[in-house]
Amino acid sequence: MLSYLVRRLMLGAVTLLLITFLVYGLIRSMPGDPLLMRLETANPDKVPSKEDIERMRRAFGLDKPWYTAYFAWLNKIRQGDLGPSLSRNTPVARIIYERIGPTLLLSISSLVLTYLLAIPLGLYSTVRSGGLDERATSTLLYMLYSLPAFVAALFLQILFAIKLRGTPFELPLFGMVSGEGYEQMSSLEKAWDVFKHALLPVTCYTYGSLAYYSRFIRANMQEVIRQDYIRTARAKGVGPIRVLLHHAFRNTLIPLVTMIGLTLPALLSGSIILEQIFSWPGMGRLFFESIRERDYPTLMGLTLMFSVLTLLGQLLADFLYAVVDPRVSYK
């Protein structure tokens, strides 16, 4: 196990170096000068001189070739420093830290709802396979899966924020909290306010995943229940619920564990489109703003975090294989 872990960590480190090296080169090749974009939003009464601009360029490492600047950035990462943001005059680590909470609020809520609903739906569809209710459920799930999340977001905003305005069912149009009076609210009122703002984004996050995971579980269950050991268990008089949960569902956990491992980076990556639509201050919106502002340090900080989470998710999935299937060994 230890030798396997060491090999995977070494392979992950090499992969991480290649990813960051290529992404850094691509980012620095984007058209547009981050300093000029920064000056566009600066105070017009304080226009910096050419010497000031060159000094800023040297301070941010923009005067060096991208491959030389990459190794300078890598040296800072080795010291635990993500560097300062080019557009916000704030450490990148602090910016990311401030955006993690709102993104986790959406992603974890969506993930929990997805698994709480998808597993029973997948098992129910397996038991009722071919029935009218199962076909109706499958059709509805297919329709949900084919509906783009940004389209659903716009329809939900029109319905709950505009059509139902002034009714008890009205929901906020955008943002994470109410702009006026939020600080004067009690803790319970603040929680309720955040819940109302998060309801529509969480719904848009969840419905597509719910449709996919429930169909995924059903497809794997349909394959497993045709196996000989399932027929043997039924012939021995094992109850249908025990056959379904203990014998069949347990043996579909390996592909499900793979999906869980791959969702780890999605917990913090957010959704660029949905967070823009709902003006949600999360990681996806930060990524979009950083691209627009050519904020190289922030982009690289986000890329590093997403890459590490992806590699850790794959490693976690590999170790969970041994938990759900005793036949898997890493000796």
Protein backbone atom coordinates (compact mmCIF):
# COMPACT_ATOMS: atom_id res chain seq x y z
CA MET A 1 0.00 0.00 0.00
CA LEU A 2 2.78 2.43 0.93
CA SER A 3 4.73 1.82 -2.28
CA TYR A 4 1.54 2.28 -4.32
CA LEU A 5 0.82 5.56 -2.52
CA VAL A 6 4.37 6.82 -3.13
CA ARG A 7 4.15 5.96 -6.85
CA ARG A 8 0.82 7.71 -7.20
CA LEU A 9 2.06 10.82 -5.40
CA MET A 10 5.17 11.00 -7.59
CA LEU A 11 3.08 10.57 -10.73
CA GLY A 12 0.66 13.21 -9.46
CA ALA A 13 3.50 15.67 -8.82
CA VAL A 14 4.83 15.25 -12.38
CA THR A 15 1.33 15.60 -13.80
CA LEU A 16 0.76 18.75 -11.75
CA LEU A 17 3.98 20.30 -13.03
CA LEU A 18 3.03 19.60 -16.65
CA ILE A 19 -0.50 20.99 -16.18
CA THR A 20 0.65 24.21 -14.53
CA PHE A 21 3.48 24.71 -17.04
CA LEU A 22 1.15 24.38 -20.05
CA VAL A 23 -1.64 26.47 -18.50
CA TYR A 24 0.80 29.22 -17.51
CA GLY A 25 2.06 29.41 -21.09
CA LEU A 26 -1.49 29.55 -22.46
CA ILE A 27 -2.54 32.23 -19.98
CA ARG A 28 0.44 34.44 -20.75
CA SER A 29 -0.31 34.03 -24.47
CA MET A 30 -3.78 35.54 -24.14
CA PRO A 31 -4.21 38.91 -25.89
CA GLY A 32 -4.46 41.92 -23.62
CA ASP A 33 -2.21 43.58 -21.09
CA PRO A 34 -3.32 43.18 -17.45
CA LEU A 35 -1.67 46.46 -16.43
CA LEU A 36 -3.50 48.43 -19.11
CA MET A 37 -6.79 46.85 -18.01
CA ARG A 38 -5.97 47.79 -14.46
CA LEU A 39 -5.27 51.40 -15.47
CA GLU A 40 -8.66 51.60 -17.24
CA THR A 41 -10.41 51.25 -13.88
CA ALA A 42 -7.97 53.44 -11.96
CA ASN A 43 -8.50 57.04 -10.90
CA PRO A 44 -8.09 59.22 -14.04
CA ASP A 45 -6.60 62.00 -11.88
CA LYS A 46 -3.65 59.74 -10.99
CA VAL A 47 -2.32 58.60 -14.33
CA PRO A 48 1.00 56.77 -13.74
CA SER A 49 4.05 57.69 -15.76
CA LYS A 50 5.81 55.35 -18.16
CA GLU A 51 8.45 54.69 -15.52
CA ASP A 52 5.76 53.72 -12.99
CA ILE A 53 4.23 51.29 -15.48
CA GLU A 54 7.60 49.67 -16.14
CA ARG A 55 8.24 49.42 -12.41
CA MET A 56 4.87 47.72 -11.92
CA ARG A 57 5.63 45.39 -14.82
CA ARG A 58 8.89 44.34 -13.16
CA ALA A 59 7.21 43.96 -9.76
CA PHE A 60 4.63 41.53 -11.19
CA GLY A 61 7.17 39.70 -13.36
CA LEU A 62 5.50 40.76 -16.61
CA ASP A 63 8.79 41.91 -18.11
CA LYS A 64 10.15 38.34 -18.24
CA PRO A 65 9.45 35.59 -20.80
CA TRP A 66 6.59 33.37 -19.68
CA TYR A 67 8.76 30.30 -19.08
CA THR A 68 11.11 32.30 -16.84
CA ALA A 69 8.15 33.83 -15.00
CA TYR A 70 6.69 30.33 -14.54
CA PHE A 71 9.69 29.13 -12.56
CA ALA A 72 9.59 32.30 -10.46
CA TRP A 73 5.90 31.57 -9.75
CA LEU A 74 6.78 27.94 -8.96
CA ASN A 75 9.39 29.09 -6.46
CA LYS A 76 6.76 31.21 -4.68
CA ILE A 77 4.39 28.23 -4.62
CA ARG A 78 7.14 26.15 -3.00
CA GLN A 79 7.21 28.78 -0.24
CA GLY A 80 3.40 28.67 0.13
CA ASP A 81 2.79 32.03 -1.55
CA LEU A 82 0.24 32.33 -4.40
CA GLY A 83 1.29 35.92 -4.99
CA PRO A 84 -0.77 39.14 -5.17
CA SER A 85 -3.71 39.63 -7.50
CA LEU A 86 -2.98 41.96 -10.41
CA SER A 87 -6.43 43.52 -10.41
CA ARG A 88 -7.44 43.55 -6.73
CA ASN A 89 -4.22 44.43 -4.82
CA THR A 90 -5.01 41.51 -2.50
CA PRO A 91 -3.23 38.19 -1.91
CA VAL A 92 -4.64 35.49 -4.16
CA ALA A 93 -4.97 33.09 -1.22
CA ARG A 94 -7.27 35.54 0.58
CA ILE A 95 -9.43 36.06 -2.52
CA ILE A 96 -9.86 32.32 -3.01
CA TYR A 97 -10.59 31.82 0.69
CA GLU A 98 -13.38 34.41 0.56
CA ARG A 99 -15.01 32.70 -2.43
CA ILE A 100 -14.79 29.10 -1.18
CA GLY A 101 -17.66 29.44 1.32
CA PRO A 102 -20.37 30.55 -1.15
CA THR A 103 -19.33 27.87 -3.65
CA LEU A 104 -19.32 25.11 -1.01
CA LEU A 105 -22.77 26.21 0.13
CA LEU A 106 -24.15 25.48 -3.35
CA SER A 107 -22.05 22.46 -4.28
CA ILE A 108 -22.38 20.50 -1.02
CA SER A 109 -26.11 21.19 -0.80
CA SER A 110 -26.51 20.05 -4.40
CA LEU A 111 -24.35 16.95 -3.90
CA VAL A 112 -26.22 15.84 -0.78
CA LEU A 113 -29.61 16.38 -2.44
CA THR A 114 -28.45 14.55 -5.56
CA TYR A 115 -27.40 11.39 -3.73
CA LEU A 116 -30.34 11.45 -1.32
CA LEU A 117 -32.74 11.51 -4.27
CA ALA A 118 -30.81 9.70 -7.01
CA ILE A 119 -30.12 6.46 -5.10
CA PRO A 120 -33.77 5.82 -4.12
CA LEU A 121 -34.91 6.82 -7.63
CA GLY A 122 -32.39 4.48 -9.24
CA LEU A 123 -33.41 1.58 -7.00
CA TYR A 124 -37.10 2.29 -7.52
CA SER A 125 -36.62 2.37 -11.29
CA THR A 126 -34.86 -1.00 -11.07
CA VAL A 127 -37.67 -2.61 -9.07
CA ARG A 128 -40.42 -1.10 -11.26
CA SER A 129 -38.60 -1.65 -14.56
CA GLY A 130 -41.04 -1.68 -17.45
CA GLY A 131 -43.94 -0.28 -15.42
CA LEU A 132 -45.89 2.80 -16.40
CA ASP A 133 -44.68 4.77 -13.39
CA GLU A 134 -41.05 3.85 -14.14
CA ARG A 135 -41.40 4.91 -17.77
CA ALA A 136 -42.98 8.21 -16.76
CA THR A 137 -40.17 8.85 -14.25
CA SER A 138 -37.51 7.96 -16.84
CA THR A 139 -39.08 10.28 -19.40
CA LEU A 140 -39.16 13.15 -16.90
CA LEU A 141 -35.52 12.54 -15.96
CA TYR A 142 -34.48 12.50 -19.61
CA MET A 143 -36.28 15.80 -20.15
CA LEU A 144 -34.53 17.35 -17.14
CA TYR A 145 -31.14 16.08 -18.25
CA SER A 146 -31.60 17.56 -21.73
CA LEU A 147 -32.60 21.00 -20.38
CA PRO A 148 -29.53 23.30 -20.07
CA ALA A 149 -29.03 24.66 -16.58
CA PHE A 150 -28.73 28.28 -17.73
CA VAL A 151 -32.09 28.04 -19.55
CA ALA A 152 -33.73 26.61 -16.43
CA ALA A 153 -32.12 29.40 -14.38
CA LEU A 154 -33.67 32.10 -16.57
CA PHE A 155 -37.11 30.46 -16.47
CA LEU A 156 -36.96 30.07 -12.69
CA GLN A 157 -35.95 33.70 -12.28
CA ILE A 158 -38.86 34.85 -14.44
CA LEU A 159 -41.29 32.64 -12.51
CA PHE A 160 -40.24 33.13 -8.89
CA ALA A 161 -38.71 36.61 -8.96
CA ILE A 162 -41.02 38.35 -11.45
CA LYS A 163 -44.29 36.45 -11.98
CA LEU A 164 -44.67 35.61 -8.27
CA ARG A 165 -43.47 38.99 -7.01
CA GLY A 166 -45.41 40.12 -3.98
CA THR A 167 -46.58 36.58 -3.12
CA PRO A 168 -45.24 34.26 -0.37
CA PHE A 169 -43.47 32.27 -3.12
CA GLU A 170 -41.32 35.16 -4.32
CA LEU A 171 -37.59 34.42 -4.32
CA PRO A 172 -34.64 36.83 -4.74
CA LEU A 173 -33.43 37.43 -8.27
CA PHE A 174 -29.68 37.47 -7.61
CA GLY A 175 -26.98 37.77 -4.95
CA MET A 176 -26.27 35.74 -1.83
CA VAL A 177 -27.84 38.03 0.77
CA SER A 178 -30.23 40.93 0.81
CA GLY A 179 -28.49 44.24 0.25
CA GLU A 180 -30.48 46.27 2.77
CA GLY A 181 -30.91 45.41 6.40
CA TYR A 182 -28.98 42.13 6.32
CA GLU A 183 -26.54 43.16 9.06
CA GLN A 184 -29.43 44.08 11.36
CA MET A 185 -31.05 40.63 11.03
CA SER A 186 -30.87 37.96 13.72
CA SER A 187 -28.89 34.77 13.08
CA LEU A 188 -32.04 32.85 12.19
CA GLU A 189 -33.20 35.59 9.83
CA LYS A 190 -29.78 35.67 8.14
CA ALA A 191 -29.88 31.90 7.63
CA TRP A 192 -33.37 32.16 6.12
CA ASP A 193 -32.26 35.00 3.86
CA VAL A 194 -29.27 33.00 2.56
CA PHE A 195 -31.54 29.96 2.10
CA LYS A 196 -33.96 31.96 -0.08
CA HIS A 197 -31.12 33.31 -2.20
CA ALA A 198 -29.54 29.86 -2.58
CA LEU A 199 -32.74 27.97 -3.43
CA LEU A 200 -32.81 28.70 -7.16
CA PRO A 201 -29.06 28.17 -7.76
CA VAL A 202 -29.12 24.87 -5.83
CA THR A 203 -32.11 23.73 -7.88
CA CYS A 204 -30.27 24.46 -11.12
CA TYR A 205 -27.15 22.72 -9.81
CA THR A 206 -29.09 19.63 -8.73
CA TYR A 207 -31.66 18.64 -11.33
CA GLY A 208 -29.21 17.70 -14.10
CA SER A 209 -27.02 15.67 -11.75
CA LEU A 210 -30.12 14.02 -10.27
CA ALA A 211 -31.25 12.85 -13.70
CA TYR A 212 -27.79 11.58 -14.63
CA TYR A 213 -27.00 9.75 -11.37
CA SER A 214 -30.40 8.07 -11.09
CA ARG A 215 -30.11 6.75 -14.66
CA PHE A 216 -26.52 5.74 -13.96
CA ILE A 217 -27.54 3.73 -10.89
CA ARG A 218 -30.43 2.11 -12.74
CA ALA A 219 -28.23 1.07 -15.67
CA ASN A 220 -25.68 -0.57 -13.35
CA MET A 221 -28.39 -2.25 -11.29
CA GLN A 222 -30.01 -3.69 -14.42
CA GLU A 223 -26.71 -5.33 -15.31
CA VAL A 224 -26.10 -6.72 -11.82
CA ILE A 225 -29.53 -8.24 -11.18
CA ARG A 226 -29.06 -10.50 -14.21
CA GLN A 227 -26.01 -12.16 -12.65
CA ASP A 228 -26.09 -15.78 -11.48
CA TYR A 229 -25.42 -14.98 -7.82
CA ILE A 230 -28.56 -12.83 -7.71
CA ARG A 231 -30.66 -15.72 -9.02
CA THR A 232 -28.96 -18.02 -6.50
CA ALA A 233 -29.77 -15.67 -3.62
CA ARG A 234 -33.41 -15.50 -4.71
CA ALA A 235 -33.56 -19.29 -5.04
CA LYS A 236 -32.30 -19.64 -1.45
CA GLY A 237 -35.23 -17.55 -0.25
CA VAL A 238 -33.43 -14.28 0.46
CA GLY A 239 -35.94 -11.44 0.74
CA PRO A 240 -36.26 -9.01 -2.23
CA ILE A 241 -35.13 -5.96 -0.23
CA ARG A 242 -32.01 -7.76 1.02
CA VAL A 243 -31.24 -9.00 -2.49
CA LEU A 244 -31.63 -5.48 -3.86
CA LEU A 245 -29.60 -3.64 -1.24
CA HIS A 246 -27.08 -6.14 0.10
CA HIS A 247 -26.32 -8.24 -2.96
CA ALA A 248 -27.12 -6.08 -5.99
CA PHE A 249 -26.60 -2.46 -4.94
CA ARG A 250 -23.37 -3.23 -3.08
CA ASN A 251 -21.83 -4.54 -6.29
CA THR A 252 -22.70 -1.39 -8.21
CA LEU A 253 -20.71 0.81 -5.83
CA ILE A 254 -17.42 0.69 -7.74
CA PRO A 255 -18.63 2.77 -10.72
CA LEU A 256 -20.52 4.99 -8.26
CA VAL A 257 -17.35 5.49 -6.21
CA THR A 258 -15.57 6.56 -9.39
CA MET A 259 -18.21 9.24 -9.91
CA ILE A 260 -17.88 10.40 -6.30
CA GLY A 261 -14.11 10.76 -6.69
CA LEU A 262 -14.53 12.83 -9.83
CA THR A 263 -16.97 15.19 -8.07
CA LEU A 264 -14.30 16.34 -5.59
CA PRO A 265 -12.92 19.12 -7.84
CA ALA A 266 -16.48 20.11 -8.75
CA LEU A 267 -17.14 20.95 -5.10
CA LEU A 268 -14.91 24.02 -5.38
CA SER A 269 -14.92 24.77 -9.09
CA GLY A 270 -18.43 26.22 -9.09
CA SER A 271 -20.32 27.06 -12.26
CA ILE A 272 -19.24 30.07 -14.31
CA ILE A 273 -22.57 30.49 -16.13
CA LEU A 274 -24.91 29.92 -13.18
CA GLU A 275 -22.89 32.11 -10.82
CA GLN A 276 -22.92 34.87 -13.41
CA ILE A 277 -26.70 34.57 -13.89
CA PHE A 278 -27.44 34.63 -10.16
CA SER A 279 -24.57 37.05 -9.31
CA TRP A 280 -23.35 34.47 -6.81
CA PRO A 281 -19.93 35.37 -5.33
CA GLY A 282 -18.34 31.95 -5.88
CA MET A 283 -15.32 30.36 -7.50
CA GLY A 284 -16.84 30.11 -10.97
CA ARG A 285 -17.53 33.81 -11.08
CA LEU A 286 -14.03 34.53 -9.76
CA PHE A 287 -12.56 32.42 -12.56
CA PHE A 288 -14.57 34.35 -15.16
CA GLU A 289 -13.57 37.72 -13.68
CA SER A 290 -9.90 36.69 -13.58
CA ILE A 291 -9.95 35.74 -17.27
CA ARG A 292 -11.64 39.01 -18.18
CA GLU A 293 -9.12 41.04 -16.16
CA ARG A 294 -6.10 38.95 -17.29
CA ASP A 295 -5.30 38.36 -13.61
CA TYR A 296 -2.53 35.78 -14.10
CA PRO A 297 -1.76 35.00 -10.42
CA THR A 298 -5.41 34.41 -9.57
CA LEU A 299 -5.92 32.22 -12.65
CA MET A 300 -2.87 30.15 -11.75
CA GLY A 301 -3.97 29.87 -8.13
CA LEU A 302 -7.36 28.54 -9.23
CA THR A 303 -5.77 26.20 -11.79
CA LEU A 304 -3.42 24.82 -9.15
CA MET A 305 -6.26 24.21 -6.72
CA PHE A 306 -8.52 22.53 -9.30
CA SER A 307 -5.67 20.33 -10.55
CA VAL A 308 -4.73 19.20 -7.05
CA LEU A 309 -8.37 18.40 -6.25
CA THR A 310 -8.74 16.41 -9.48
CA LEU A 311 -5.66 14.31 -8.73
CA LEU A 312 -6.75 13.80 -5.11
CA GLY A 313 -10.22 12.81 -6.28
CA GLN A 314 -8.78 10.10 -8.52
CA LEU A 315 -6.56 8.86 -5.69
CA LEU A 316 -9.53 8.84 -3.29
CA ALA A 317 -11.59 6.84 -5.79
CA ASP A 318 -8.80 4.25 -6.08
CA PHE A 319 -8.66 3.76 -2.31
CA LEU A 320 -12.45 3.59 -2.01
CA TYR A 321 -12.39 0.69 -4.47
CA ALA A 322 -10.72 -1.44 -1.80
CA VAL A 323 -13.35 -0.37 0.75
CA VAL A 324 -16.36 -1.39 -1.35
CA ASP A 325 -14.76 -4.43 -3.01
CA PRO A 326 -12.58 -6.72 -0.82
CA ARG A 327 -11.14 -8.33 -3.96
CA VAL A 328 -9.23 -5.12 -4.75
CA SER A 329 -5.78 -5.05 -3.17
CA TYR A 330 -2.88 -2.62 -3.51
CA LYS A 331 -0.19 -4.91 -2.10
